[in-house]
């Protein structure tokens, strides 16, 4: 039991050191991306959740919706950033129970 407590304490100490570093990784650019695309991503994902499309088709359609919106607003983002937004918003909506 002492070994488990020692490992747990070590893990908690390491976590305290790593957490600020991980927060820095999630930098201002990602926060701006979230702010600019959150509404359209939420709308698209919520709408697509009720369709009979496969998960891949839903992801692709959400990507198209967000990319079209970004282009119309003269916003430029990497495709990987848009896919990341889709995953973040999807996870958030599932956690809140808005979608299944």
C-alpha atoms as a PDB file:
ATOM      1  CA  UNK A   1       0.000   0.000   0.000  1.00  0.00           C
ATOM      2  CA  UNK A   2       2.886   2.369   0.709  1.00  0.00           C
ATOM      3  CA  UNK A   3       4.153   1.868  -2.828  1.00  0.00           C
ATOM      4  CA  UNK A   4       0.761   2.788  -4.257  1.00  0.00           C
ATOM      5  CA  UNK A   5       0.644   5.946  -2.134  1.00  0.00           C
ATOM      6  CA  UNK A   6       4.150   6.904  -3.199  1.00  0.00           C
ATOM      7  CA  UNK A   7       3.310   6.404  -6.891  1.00  0.00           C
ATOM      8  CA  UNK A   8       0.086   8.384  -6.499  1.00  0.00           C
ATOM      9  CA  UNK A   9       1.897  11.276  -4.787  1.00  0.00           C
ATOM     10  CA  UNK A  10       4.572  11.267  -7.463  1.00  0.00           C
ATOM     11  CA  UNK A  11       1.929  11.307 -10.184  1.00  0.00           C
ATOM     12  CA  UNK A  12       0.142  14.249  -8.559  1.00  0.00           C
ATOM     13  CA  UNK A  13       3.407  16.206  -8.290  1.00  0.00           C
ATOM     14  CA  UNK A  14       4.251  15.521 -11.926  1.00  0.00           C
ATOM     15  CA  UNK A  15       0.723  16.528 -12.938  1.00  0.00           C
ATOM     16  CA  UNK A  16       1.093  19.861 -11.116  1.00  0.00           C
ATOM     17  CA  UNK A  17       4.258  20.570 -13.102  1.00  0.00           C
ATOM     18  CA  UNK A  18       2.909  19.413 -16.456  1.00  0.00           C
ATOM     19  CA  UNK A  19      -0.502  21.083 -16.278  1.00  0.00           C
ATOM     20  CA  UNK A  20       0.760  24.655 -16.883  1.00  0.00           C
ATOM     21  CA  UNK A  21       2.858  23.406 -19.783  1.00  0.00           C
ATOM     22  CA  UNK A  22      -0.127  21.650 -21.337  1.00  0.00           C
ATOM     23  CA  UNK A  23      -2.248  24.742 -20.889  1.00  0.00           C
ATOM     24  CA  UNK A  24       0.382  26.771 -22.721  1.00  0.00           C
ATOM     25  CA  UNK A  25       0.251  24.288 -25.584  1.00  0.00           C
ATOM     26  CA  UNK A  26      -3.431  25.086 -25.951  1.00  0.00           C
ATOM     27  CA  UNK A  27      -2.379  28.567 -27.000  1.00  0.00           C
ATOM     28  CA  UNK A  28      -4.148  31.744 -28.013  1.00  0.00           C
ATOM     29  CA  UNK A  29      -4.480  30.640 -31.639  1.00  0.00           C
ATOM     30  CA  UNK A  30      -6.589  27.652 -30.624  1.00  0.00           C
ATOM     31  CA  UNK A  31      -8.708  29.829 -28.367  1.00  0.00           C
ATOM     32  CA  UNK A  32      -9.310  32.229 -31.272  1.00  0.00           C
ATOM     33  CA  UNK A  33     -10.186  29.299 -33.505  1.00  0.00           C
ATOM     34  CA  UNK A  34     -12.671  28.015 -30.959  1.00  0.00           C
ATOM     35  CA  UNK A  35     -14.237  31.433 -30.531  1.00  0.00           C
ATOM     36  CA  UNK A  36     -14.649  32.026 -34.262  1.00  0.00           C
ATOM     37  CA  UNK A  37     -15.929  28.582 -35.231  1.00  0.00           C
ATOM     38  CA  UNK A  38     -17.721  27.342 -32.093  1.00  0.00           C
ATOM     39  CA  UNK A  39     -21.213  28.462 -33.111  1.00  0.00           C
ATOM     40  CA  UNK A  40     -21.154  27.062 -36.643  1.00  0.00           C
ATOM     41  CA  UNK A  41     -19.530  23.828 -35.439  1.00  0.00           C
ATOM     42  CA  UNK A  42     -22.117  23.384 -32.685  1.00  0.00           C
ATOM     43  CA  UNK A  43     -24.963  24.058 -35.104  1.00  0.00           C
ATOM     44  CA  UNK A  44     -23.633  21.686 -37.739  1.00  0.00           C
ATOM     45  CA  UNK A  45     -22.801  18.834 -35.342  1.00  0.00           C
ATOM     46  CA  UNK A  46     -26.147  19.106 -33.567  1.00  0.00           C
ATOM     47  CA  UNK A  47     -28.010  19.062 -36.884  1.00  0.00           C
ATOM     48  CA  UNK A  48     -26.024  16.118 -38.220  1.00  0.00           C
ATOM     49  CA  UNK A  49     -26.444  14.073 -35.027  1.00  0.00           C
ATOM     50  CA  UNK A  50     -30.070  13.388 -35.946  1.00  0.00           C
ATOM     51  CA  UNK A  51     -29.301  12.097 -39.445  1.00  0.00           C
ATOM     52  CA  UNK A  52     -28.809   8.523 -40.623  1.00  0.00           C
ATOM     53  CA  UNK A  53     -25.346   9.277 -41.984  1.00  0.00           C
ATOM     54  CA  UNK A  54     -22.322   7.283 -40.844  1.00  0.00           C
ATOM     55  CA  UNK A  55     -19.915   8.921 -38.408  1.00  0.00           C
ATOM     56  CA  UNK A  56     -17.425   9.487 -41.241  1.00  0.00           C
ATOM     57  CA  UNK A  57     -20.089  11.133 -43.409  1.00  0.00           C
ATOM     58  CA  UNK A  58     -21.182  13.320 -40.493  1.00  0.00           C
ATOM     59  CA  UNK A  59     -17.579  14.367 -39.839  1.00  0.00           C
ATOM     60  CA  UNK A  60     -17.046  15.185 -43.519  1.00  0.00           C
ATOM     61  CA  UNK A  61     -20.274  17.184 -43.739  1.00  0.00           C
ATOM     62  CA  UNK A  62     -19.452  19.119 -40.557  1.00  0.00           C
ATOM     63  CA  UNK A  63     -16.029  19.832 -42.041  1.00  0.00           C
ATOM     64  CA  UNK A  64     -17.636  21.159 -45.242  1.00  0.00           C
ATOM     65  CA  UNK A  65     -20.067  23.336 -43.270  1.00  0.00           C
ATOM     66  CA  UNK A  66     -17.296  24.838 -41.145  1.00  0.00           C
ATOM     67  CA  UNK A  67     -14.887  25.263 -44.069  1.00  0.00           C
ATOM     68  CA  UNK A  68     -17.589  27.016 -46.142  1.00  0.00           C
ATOM     69  CA  UNK A  69     -18.337  29.332 -43.227  1.00  0.00           C
ATOM     70  CA  UNK A  70     -14.650  30.074 -42.669  1.00  0.00           C
ATOM     71  CA  UNK A  71     -14.143  30.895 -46.364  1.00  0.00           C
ATOM     72  CA  UNK A  72     -17.222  33.156 -46.391  1.00  0.00           C
ATOM     73  CA  UNK A  73     -15.770  35.076 -43.424  1.00  0.00           C
ATOM     74  CA  UNK A  74     -12.261  35.168 -44.962  1.00  0.00           C
ATOM     75  CA  UNK A  75     -10.876  33.033 -42.134  1.00  0.00           C
ATOM     76  CA  UNK A  76      -8.003  30.711 -42.912  1.00  0.00           C
ATOM     77  CA  UNK A  77      -7.396  27.597 -40.868  1.00  0.00           C
ATOM     78  CA  UNK A  78      -5.625  24.331 -41.531  1.00  0.00           C
ATOM     79  CA  UNK A  79      -7.846  21.350 -42.209  1.00  0.00           C
ATOM     80  CA  UNK A  80      -6.412  19.668 -39.112  1.00  0.00           C
ATOM     81  CA  UNK A  81      -7.531  22.641 -37.003  1.00  0.00           C
ATOM     82  CA  UNK A  82     -11.084  22.285 -38.299  1.00  0.00           C
ATOM     83  CA  UNK A  83     -11.099  18.551 -37.598  1.00  0.00           C
ATOM     84  CA  UNK A  84      -9.816  19.297 -34.094  1.00  0.00           C
ATOM     85  CA  UNK A  85     -12.654  21.784 -33.556  1.00  0.00           C
ATOM     86  CA  UNK A  86     -15.140  19.143 -34.681  1.00  0.00           C
ATOM     87  CA  UNK A  87     -13.741  16.652 -32.169  1.00  0.00           C
ATOM     88  CA  UNK A  88     -13.650  19.178 -29.310  1.00  0.00           C
ATOM     89  CA  UNK A  89     -17.195  20.438 -29.897  1.00  0.00           C
ATOM     90  CA  UNK A  90     -18.534  16.914 -30.443  1.00  0.00           C
ATOM     91  CA  UNK A  91     -17.014  15.721 -27.181  1.00  0.00           C
ATOM     92  CA  UNK A  92     -18.388  18.766 -25.371  1.00  0.00           C
ATOM     93  CA  UNK A  93     -21.907  18.237 -26.755  1.00  0.00           C
ATOM     94  CA  UNK A  94     -21.820  14.547 -25.771  1.00  0.00           C
ATOM     95  CA  UNK A  95     -20.638  15.419 -22.276  1.00  0.00           C
ATOM     96  CA  UNK A  96     -23.512  17.893 -21.916  1.00  0.00           C
ATOM     97  CA  UNK A  97     -25.975  15.259 -23.148  1.00  0.00           C
ATOM     98  CA  UNK A  98     -27.068  17.352 -26.123  1.00  0.00           C
ATOM     99  CA  UNK A  99     -26.153  14.579 -28.562  1.00  0.00           C
ATOM    100  CA  UNK A 100     -25.607  10.841 -28.198  1.00  0.00           C
END
